[in-house]
Amino acid sequence: MSTTDRWEELFRGRRWRVAEEVSGTVTIPKRRGIPEVVITFSRGNFTVAAPGAFQSPLSTNKGRAGVLLVETDDSGSRDFPGTRMAVGAPAVRKARQVYGAVW
């Protein structure tokens, strides 16, 4: 994985959870030479249909499958609005193991 070196900034002392309430399909319409993109969510996990892709703030590589996270307070009882972040599954594993940052 090619990293952006933002691990400490995004996970040290912060708490995140998988946005399991997010399920369904989103279609981003074709526009100015960019083809239509379909994203399918299942309990916070997602796939982006080709030719689409997403880029995590943790990597310079683009991917087609990932996990949607949302930042919470320390107890996990309150979400912080506007904090959703898409990352790859390996990033979630590392954030759990190294930082204890994902519920």
C-alpha atoms as a PDB file:
ATOM      1  CA  MET A   1       0.000   0.000   0.000  1.00  0.00           C
ATOM      2  CA  SER A   2       1.320   3.421  -0.915  1.00  0.00           C
ATOM      3  CA  THR A   3       0.671   5.599   2.115  1.00  0.00           C
ATOM      4  CA  THR A   4      -0.010   9.305   2.621  1.00  0.00           C
ATOM      5  CA  ASP A   5       1.487   9.191   6.161  1.00  0.00           C
ATOM      6  CA  ARG A   6      -1.763  10.419   7.753  1.00  0.00           C
ATOM      7  CA  TRP A   7      -2.193   7.448  10.121  1.00  0.00           C
ATOM      8  CA  GLU A   8      -1.293   9.358  13.277  1.00  0.00           C
ATOM      9  CA  GLU A   9      -3.450  12.343  12.331  1.00  0.00           C
ATOM     10  CA  LEU A  10      -6.507  10.227  11.584  1.00  0.00           C
ATOM     11  CA  PHE A  11      -6.267   7.526  14.245  1.00  0.00           C
ATOM     12  CA  ARG A  12      -4.072   8.522  17.223  1.00  0.00           C
ATOM     13  CA  GLY A  13      -6.447   9.470  20.066  1.00  0.00           C
ATOM     14  CA  ARG A  14      -9.551   9.298  17.879  1.00  0.00           C
ATOM     15  CA  ARG A  15     -12.393   6.740  17.693  1.00  0.00           C
ATOM     16  CA  TRP A  16     -14.181   5.468  14.612  1.00  0.00           C
ATOM     17  CA  ARG A  17     -16.889   2.929  13.852  1.00  0.00           C
ATOM     18  CA  VAL A  18     -18.011   1.170  10.689  1.00  0.00           C
ATOM     19  CA  ALA A  19     -21.141   2.922   9.387  1.00  0.00           C
ATOM     20  CA  GLU A  20     -23.165  -0.315   9.448  1.00  0.00           C
ATOM     21  CA  GLU A  21     -26.418   1.571   8.954  1.00  0.00           C
ATOM     22  CA  VAL A  22     -25.367   2.402   5.374  1.00  0.00           C
ATOM     23  CA  SER A  23     -26.728  -0.098   2.834  1.00  0.00           C
ATOM     24  CA  GLY A  24     -28.068   0.285  -0.672  1.00  0.00           C
ATOM     25  CA  THR A  25     -26.952   1.474  -4.075  1.00  0.00           C
ATOM     26  CA  VAL A  26     -25.865   4.939  -5.147  1.00  0.00           C
ATOM     27  CA  THR A  27     -25.528   5.922  -8.790  1.00  0.00           C
ATOM     28  CA  ILE A  28     -23.397   8.910  -9.699  1.00  0.00           C
ATOM     29  CA  PRO A  29     -24.571  10.100 -13.123  1.00  0.00           C
ATOM     30  CA  LYS A  30     -22.292  10.459 -16.117  1.00  0.00           C
ATOM     31  CA  ARG A  31     -20.852  13.964 -16.483  1.00  0.00           C
ATOM     32  CA  ARG A  32     -18.277  15.773 -18.642  1.00  0.00           C
ATOM     33  CA  GLY A  33     -16.472  12.728 -19.949  1.00  0.00           C
ATOM     34  CA  ILE A  34     -16.693  10.827 -16.660  1.00  0.00           C
ATOM     35  CA  PRO A  35     -18.799   7.659 -16.983  1.00  0.00           C
ATOM     36  CA  GLU A  36     -21.635   6.736 -14.642  1.00  0.00           C
ATOM     37  CA  VAL A  37     -20.426   5.114 -11.411  1.00  0.00           C
ATOM     38  CA  VAL A  38     -22.436   2.682  -9.272  1.00  0.00           C
ATOM     39  CA  ILE A  39     -21.520   2.156  -5.609  1.00  0.00           C
ATOM     40  CA  THR A  40     -23.098  -0.660  -3.617  1.00  0.00           C
ATOM     41  CA  PHE A  41     -23.099  -0.478   0.193  1.00  0.00           C
ATOM     42  CA  SER A  42     -23.763  -3.379   2.562  1.00  0.00           C
ATOM     43  CA  ARG A  43     -23.590  -2.541   6.276  1.00  0.00           C
ATOM     44  CA  GLY A  44     -20.818   0.017   5.742  1.00  0.00           C
ATOM     45  CA  ASN A  45     -18.779  -2.097   3.340  1.00  0.00           C
ATOM     46  CA  PHE A  46     -18.868  -0.978  -0.260  1.00  0.00           C
ATOM     47  CA  THR A  47     -17.834  -1.800  -3.792  1.00  0.00           C
ATOM     48  CA  VAL A  48     -17.415   0.638  -6.656  1.00  0.00           C
ATOM     49  CA  ALA A  49     -18.293  -0.808 -10.063  1.00  0.00           C
ATOM     50  CA  ALA A  50     -15.743  -0.422 -12.860  1.00  0.00           C
ATOM     51  CA  PRO A  51     -14.668   1.935 -14.256  1.00  0.00           C
ATOM     52  CA  GLY A  52     -15.118   3.841 -10.985  1.00  0.00           C
ATOM     53  CA  ALA A  53     -12.709   3.834  -8.036  1.00  0.00           C
ATOM     54  CA  PHE A  54     -12.237   5.608  -4.716  1.00  0.00           C
ATOM     55  CA  GLN A  55      -9.176   7.042  -3.009  1.00  0.00           C
ATOM     56  CA  SER A  56      -8.687   6.770   0.736  1.00  0.00           C
ATOM     57  CA  PRO A  57      -7.039   9.637   2.620  1.00  0.00           C
ATOM     58  CA  LEU A  58      -4.524   6.994   3.758  1.00  0.00           C
ATOM     59  CA  SER A  59      -3.268   5.871   0.355  1.00  0.00           C
ATOM     60  CA  THR A  60      -2.280   7.265  -2.999  1.00  0.00           C
ATOM     61  CA  ASN A  61      -3.638   4.098  -4.653  1.00  0.00           C
ATOM     62  CA  LYS A  62      -7.221   3.854  -5.859  1.00  0.00           C
ATOM     63  CA  GLY A  63      -9.471   0.916  -5.047  1.00  0.00           C
ATOM     64  CA  ARG A  64     -12.882  -0.547  -5.752  1.00  0.00           C
ATOM     65  CA  ALA A  65     -13.783  -2.030  -2.358  1.00  0.00           C
ATOM     66  CA  GLY A  66     -13.685  -0.454   1.061  1.00  0.00           C
ATOM     67  CA  VAL A  67     -15.275   0.382   4.382  1.00  0.00           C
ATOM     68  CA  LEU A  68     -17.137   3.550   5.348  1.00  0.00           C
ATOM     69  CA  LEU A  69     -16.098   4.854   8.781  1.00  0.00           C
ATOM     70  CA  VAL A  70     -17.637   7.599  10.909  1.00  0.00           C
ATOM     71  CA  GLU A  71     -15.863   9.288  13.831  1.00  0.00           C
ATOM     72  CA  THR A  72     -17.430   8.965  17.287  1.00  0.00           C
ATOM     73  CA  ASP A  73     -16.905  10.392  20.741  1.00  0.00           C
ATOM     74  CA  ASP A  74     -14.740   8.408  23.174  1.00  0.00           C
ATOM     75  CA  SER A  75     -17.690   6.339  24.408  1.00  0.00           C
ATOM     76  CA  GLY A  76     -18.932   5.525  20.901  1.00  0.00           C
ATOM     77  CA  SER A  77     -22.379   6.852  21.783  1.00  0.00           C
ATOM     78  CA  ARG A  78     -22.327   9.947  19.543  1.00  0.00           C
ATOM     79  CA  ASP A  79     -21.240  10.349  15.930  1.00  0.00           C
ATOM     80  CA  PHE A  80     -19.517  13.515  14.783  1.00  0.00           C
ATOM     81  CA  PRO A  81     -21.401  14.989  11.801  1.00  0.00           C
ATOM     82  CA  GLY A  82     -19.488  15.267   8.543  1.00  0.00           C
ATOM     83  CA  THR A  83     -16.751  12.795   9.497  1.00  0.00           C
ATOM     84  CA  ARG A  84     -17.461   9.884   7.171  1.00  0.00           C
ATOM     85  CA  MET A  85     -14.290   8.480   5.619  1.00  0.00           C
ATOM     86  CA  ALA A  86     -13.821   5.698   3.041  1.00  0.00           C
ATOM     87  CA  VAL A  87     -10.810   3.431   3.564  1.00  0.00           C
ATOM     88  CA  GLY A  88      -9.726  -0.046   2.506  1.00  0.00           C
ATOM     89  CA  ALA A  89     -10.313  -3.112   4.704  1.00  0.00           C
ATOM     90  CA  PRO A  90      -6.553  -3.491   5.399  1.00  0.00           C
ATOM     91  CA  ALA A  91      -6.544   0.065   6.786  1.00  0.00           C
ATOM     92  CA  VAL A  92      -9.389  -0.800   9.171  1.00  0.00           C
ATOM     93  CA  ARG A  93      -7.443  -3.829  10.421  1.00  0.00           C
ATOM     94  CA  LYS A  94      -4.329  -1.703  11.002  1.00  0.00           C
ATOM     95  CA  ALA A  95      -6.320   1.063  12.714  1.00  0.00           C
ATOM     96  CA  ARG A  96      -7.788  -1.541  15.082  1.00  0.00           C
ATOM     97  CA  GLN A  97      -4.511  -3.347  15.792  1.00  0.00           C
ATOM     98  CA  VAL A  98      -2.089  -0.422  16.021  1.00  0.00           C
ATOM     99  CA  TYR A  99      -4.282   2.417  17.313  1.00  0.00           C
ATOM    100  CA  GLY A 100      -7.350   0.703  18.828  1.00  0.00           C
ATOM    101  CA  ALA A 101      -9.249   3.381  16.927  1.00  0.00           C
ATOM    102  CA  VAL A 102     -12.064   1.439  15.223  1.00  0.00           C
ATOM    103  CA  TRP A 103     -14.906  -0.098  17.251  1.00  0.00           C
END
